[in-house]
Each structure stands twice: as structure tokens, then as C-alpha cells.
C-alpha atoms as a PDB file:
ATOM      1  CA  GLU A   1      87.453   6.760 -23.122  1.00  0.00           C
ATOM      2  CA  VAL A   2      85.882  10.179 -21.925  1.00  0.00           C
ATOM      3  CA  GLN A   3      82.073   9.987 -21.224  1.00  0.00           C
ATOM      4  CA  LEU A   4      79.864  12.728 -20.390  1.00  0.00           C
ATOM      5  CA  VAL A   5      76.198  11.774 -19.643  1.00  0.00           C
ATOM      6  CA  GLU A   6      73.581  14.075 -18.969  1.00  0.00           C
ATOM      7  CA  SER A   7      70.336  13.641 -17.101  1.00  0.00           C
ATOM      8  CA  GLY A   8      67.478  15.538 -15.459  1.00  0.00           C
ATOM      9  CA  GLY A   9      65.989  17.246 -18.415  1.00  0.00           C
ATOM     10  CA  GLY A  10      62.279  17.170 -18.871  1.00  0.00           C
ATOM     11  CA  LEU A  11      58.839  19.346 -19.270  1.00  0.00           C
ATOM     12  CA  VAL A  12      58.380  22.272 -16.656  1.00  0.00           C
ATOM     13  CA  GLN A  13      56.021  25.160 -16.584  1.00  0.00           C
ATOM     14  CA  ALA A  14      57.561  28.786 -16.880  1.00  0.00           C
ATOM     15  CA  GLY A  15      58.689  29.737 -13.520  1.00  0.00           C
ATOM     16  CA  GLY A  16      59.617  26.194 -12.324  1.00  0.00           C
ATOM     17  CA  SER A  17      62.916  24.733 -11.873  1.00  0.00           C
ATOM     18  CA  LEU A  18      65.070  21.977 -13.050  1.00  0.00           C
ATOM     19  CA  ARG A  19      68.557  20.329 -12.272  1.00  0.00           C
ATOM     20  CA  LEU A  20      70.756  18.770 -14.755  1.00  0.00           C
ATOM     21  CA  SER A  21      73.493  16.517 -13.845  1.00  0.00           C
ATOM     22  CA  CYS A  22      76.525  15.498 -16.055  1.00  0.00           C
ATOM     23  CA  ALA A  23      78.141  12.371 -15.000  1.00  0.00           C
ATOM     24  CA  ALA A  24      81.753  12.299 -16.397  1.00  0.00           C
ATOM     25  CA  SER A  25      84.510   9.511 -16.797  1.00  0.00           C
ATOM     26  CA  GLY A  26      87.497   8.931 -18.496  1.00  0.00           C
ATOM     27  CA  PHE A  27      89.591  11.811 -17.888  1.00  0.00           C
ATOM     28  CA  SER A  28      91.355  13.555 -14.646  1.00  0.00           C
ATOM     29  CA  PHE A  29      88.204  15.137 -13.184  1.00  0.00           C
ATOM     30  CA  ASN A  30      90.047  18.001 -11.645  1.00  0.00           C
ATOM     31  CA  ASP A  31      92.165  19.544 -14.127  1.00  0.00           C
ATOM     32  CA  TYR A  32      89.740  20.832 -16.531  1.00  0.00           C
ATOM     33  CA  VAL A  33      86.805  23.371 -17.220  1.00  0.00           C
ATOM     34  CA  ILE A  34      83.198  21.489 -18.085  1.00  0.00           C
ATOM     35  CA  GLY A  35      80.510  23.477 -19.539  1.00  0.00           C
ATOM     36  CA  TRP A  36      76.877  23.626 -20.183  1.00  0.00           C
ATOM     37  CA  PHE A  37      75.628  24.470 -23.751  1.00  0.00           C
ATOM     38  CA  ARG A  38      72.038  24.708 -25.134  1.00  0.00           C
ATOM     39  CA  GLN A  39      70.723  24.635 -28.448  1.00  0.00           C
ATOM     40  CA  ALA A  40      67.249  25.579 -29.271  1.00  0.00           C
ATOM     41  CA  PRO A  41      65.480  24.501 -32.445  1.00  0.00           C
ATOM     42  CA  GLY A  42      67.012  26.605 -35.700  1.00  0.00           C
ATOM     43  CA  LYS A  43      69.261  28.425 -33.252  1.00  0.00           C
ATOM     44  CA  LYS A  44      72.793  28.361 -32.920  1.00  0.00           C
ATOM     45  CA  ARG A  45      74.488  26.358 -29.837  1.00  0.00           C
ATOM     46  CA  GLU A  46      74.777  28.862 -27.010  1.00  0.00           C
ATOM     47  CA  GLY A  47      77.218  28.320 -23.933  1.00  0.00           C
ATOM     48  CA  ILE A  48      75.768  29.092 -20.450  1.00  0.00           C
ATOM     49  CA  SER A  49      77.896  28.307 -18.156  1.00  0.00           C
ATOM     50  CA  CYS A  50      80.999  26.474 -16.968  1.00  0.00           C
ATOM     51  CA  ILE A  51      83.047  25.398 -13.789  1.00  0.00           C
ATOM     52  CA  GLY A  52      86.744  24.787 -13.197  1.00  0.00           C
ATOM     53  CA  THR A  53      86.849  21.566 -11.350  1.00  0.00           C
ATOM     54  CA  SER A  54      89.891  22.052  -9.541  1.00  0.00           C
ATOM     55  CA  ASP A  55      88.577  25.263  -7.987  1.00  0.00           C
ATOM     56  CA  GLY A  56      84.905  25.431  -8.348  1.00  0.00           C
ATOM     57  CA  LEU A  57      85.219  28.936  -9.844  1.00  0.00           C
ATOM     58  CA  ALA A  58      82.180  29.455 -12.252  1.00  0.00           C
ATOM     59  CA  SER A  59      81.233  31.654 -15.358  1.00  0.00           C
ATOM     60  CA  TYR A  60      77.693  32.522 -16.533  1.00  0.00           C
ATOM     61  CA  ALA A  61      76.197  33.931 -19.732  1.00  0.00           C
ATOM     62  CA  ASP A  62      74.346  37.070 -19.237  1.00  0.00           C
ATOM     63  CA  SER A  63      71.008  35.180 -20.391  1.00  0.00           C
ATOM     64  CA  VAL A  64      71.290  32.976 -17.348  1.00  0.00           C
ATOM     65  CA  GLY A  65      73.214  34.717 -14.542  1.00  0.00           C
ATOM     66  CA  GLY A  66      71.031  34.994 -11.450  1.00  0.00           C
ATOM     67  CA  ARG A  67      68.775  32.210 -12.330  1.00  0.00           C
ATOM     68  CA  PHE A  68      71.206  29.260 -13.207  1.00  0.00           C
ATOM     69  CA  THR A  69      73.658  27.736 -10.587  1.00  0.00           C
ATOM     70  CA  ILE A  70      76.445  25.545 -11.776  1.00  0.00           C
ATOM     71  CA  SER A  71      78.350  23.188  -9.146  1.00  0.00           C
ATOM     72  CA  GLU A  72      80.608  20.084  -9.000  1.00  0.00           C
ATOM     73  CA  ASP A  73      81.020  17.310  -6.930  1.00  0.00           C
ATOM     74  CA  SER A  74      84.551  15.744  -7.549  1.00  0.00           C
ATOM     75  CA  SER A  75      84.130  12.795  -5.488  1.00  0.00           C
ATOM     76  CA  LYS A  76      81.271  11.820  -7.742  1.00  0.00           C
ATOM     77  CA  ARG A  77      82.686  13.166 -11.061  1.00  0.00           C
ATOM     78  CA  MET A  78      79.629  14.848 -11.359  1.00  0.00           C
ATOM     79  CA  VAL A  79      78.603  18.535 -12.400  1.00  0.00           C
ATOM     80  CA  TYR A  80      75.282  19.977 -12.017  1.00  0.00           C
ATOM     81  CA  LEU A  81      73.028  22.756 -13.385  1.00  0.00           C
ATOM     82  CA  GLN A  82      70.468  24.167 -11.279  1.00  0.00           C
ATOM     83  CA  MET A  83      67.887  26.227 -13.333  1.00  0.00           C
ATOM     84  CA  ASN A  84      65.435  28.179 -11.449  1.00  0.00           C
ATOM     85  CA  SER A  85      62.750  30.948 -12.918  1.00  0.00           C
ATOM     86  CA  LEU A  86      62.869  29.015 -16.016  1.00  0.00           C
ATOM     87  CA  LYS A  87      61.642  30.970 -19.241  1.00  0.00           C
ATOM     88  CA  PRO A  88      60.094  29.438 -22.421  1.00  0.00           C
ATOM     89  CA  GLU A  89      63.166  30.630 -24.265  1.00  0.00           C
ATOM     90  CA  ASP A  90      65.069  28.490 -22.035  1.00  0.00           C
ATOM     91  CA  THR A  91      63.825  25.572 -23.842  1.00  0.00           C
ATOM     92  CA  GLY A  92      66.525  23.432 -25.860  1.00  0.00           C
ATOM     93  CA  VAL A  93      68.953  20.655 -25.796  1.00  0.00           C
ATOM     94  CA  TYR A  94      71.199  21.039 -22.829  1.00  0.00           C
ATOM     95  CA  SER A  95      74.512  19.395 -23.301  1.00  0.00           C
ATOM     96  CA  CYS A  96      77.589  19.327 -20.886  1.00  0.00           C
ATOM     97  CA  ALA A  97      80.891  19.305 -22.785  1.00  0.00           C
ATOM     98  CA  LEU A  98      84.998  18.937 -21.421  1.00  0.00           C
ATOM     99  CA  ALA A  99      87.126  21.631 -22.558  1.00  0.00           C
ATOM    100  CA  ARG A 100      90.480  21.394 -24.024  1.00  0.00           C
ATOM    101  CA  PHE A 101      93.213  21.388 -21.309  1.00  0.00           C
ATOM    102  CA  GLY A 102      93.674  25.417 -20.290  1.00  0.00           C
ATOM    103  CA  GLY A 103      90.537  26.701 -21.969  1.00  0.00           C
ATOM    104  CA  GLY A 104      86.653  26.881 -21.771  1.00  0.00           C
ATOM    105  CA  TRP A 105      86.270  29.646 -19.714  1.00  0.00           C
ATOM    106  CA  ARG A 106      84.956  31.979 -22.842  1.00  0.00           C
ATOM    107  CA  LEU A 107      82.259  29.417 -23.493  1.00  0.00           C
ATOM    108  CA  PHE A 108      82.908  29.158 -27.190  1.00  0.00           C
ATOM    109  CA  ASP A 109      82.210  25.787 -28.291  1.00  0.00           C
ATOM    110  CA  TYR A 110      85.220  25.543 -30.311  1.00  0.00           C
ATOM    111  CA  GLU A 111      87.263  25.005 -26.884  1.00  0.00           C
ATOM    112  CA  TYR A 112      85.528  22.035 -25.961  1.00  0.00           C
ATOM    113  CA  ARG A 113      86.710  18.847 -27.098  1.00  0.00           C
ATOM    114  CA  PHE A 114      84.071  16.164 -25.866  1.00  0.00           C
ATOM    115  CA  TRP A 115      80.395  16.444 -25.480  1.00  0.00           C
ATOM    116  CA  GLY A 116      77.389  14.464 -24.385  1.00  0.00           C
ATOM    117  CA  ARG A 117      74.545  13.584 -26.164  1.00  0.00           C
ATOM    118  CA  GLY A 118      72.243  16.127 -24.267  1.00  0.00           C
ATOM    119  CA  THR A 119      69.019  16.450 -22.485  1.00  0.00           C
ATOM    120  CA  GLN A 120      66.067  17.856 -23.630  1.00  0.00           C
ATOM    121  CA  VAL A 121      64.511  20.744 -21.328  1.00  0.00           C
ATOM    122  CA  THR A 122      61.094  22.450 -22.331  1.00  0.00           C
ATOM    123  CA  VAL A 123      59.471  24.937 -20.921  1.00  0.00           C
ATOM    124  CA  SER A 124      55.740  25.882 -21.306  1.00  0.00           C
ATOM    125  CA  SER A 125      54.215  29.276 -21.162  1.00  0.00           C
END
């Protein structure tokens, strides 16, 4: 059974940092793309970053490029999202997701098959 469990969310002031973690199990870790998405209240879910677990190649949405860094540790089956220079508009529920085989790079949520429950990130001004 595929499981994705996020952790690391919380309340932080604008300009601060958080590191989110995604613990993955139940699939061959090195064969897929794993992405991070967020959803703010009343807004559509947004794909913000993804990483290829076989080679570490990463992609970012324009809204977070230069501030967020995605990484993975295949030995621990973990994917991380380091978030720096946080802004109030970064507030939302952050979820990691496992893409369908061969997909995920465009950060379209329909390309992702399995999802974690999410972790809340709140950035105060």
C-alpha cells in the first residue's frame, strides 16, 4: 500500500523558514516523480515543486522559485521541501504526492495518483 506522510508544518513569521518532510512507503522509491502541492483556503490546489527520485532533477513553480528547495534521500525514502523567505501568501495545506509512472513534471495534479493528508503552513505578516 502506497503511503505518503507529511510533517514539518507550523506557524512562522514572514521572512522565516520551514522544512517539510514527506515519508514515502509502499512503492519502488527510485522510479517516480514526487511532488509538493499546496492549497490555500478558497483557492485551487497549486503544484509548487517536484523531484525525480532516480536522478534528483527538480522543477519549481514560478511562485516559489529561488525561495524553496526540494530534495530527496532515497536511503530514508524521504522527500523534503526547504522553504525560505516565507510570505503570507505561502499559507496553505501542503501535500506531497506520487506521480503516475512517467509523469508529474508539469505539476498538474491529475498526473498524481497518490496523496498524503497534508500539513498546515501558516505565515503571519
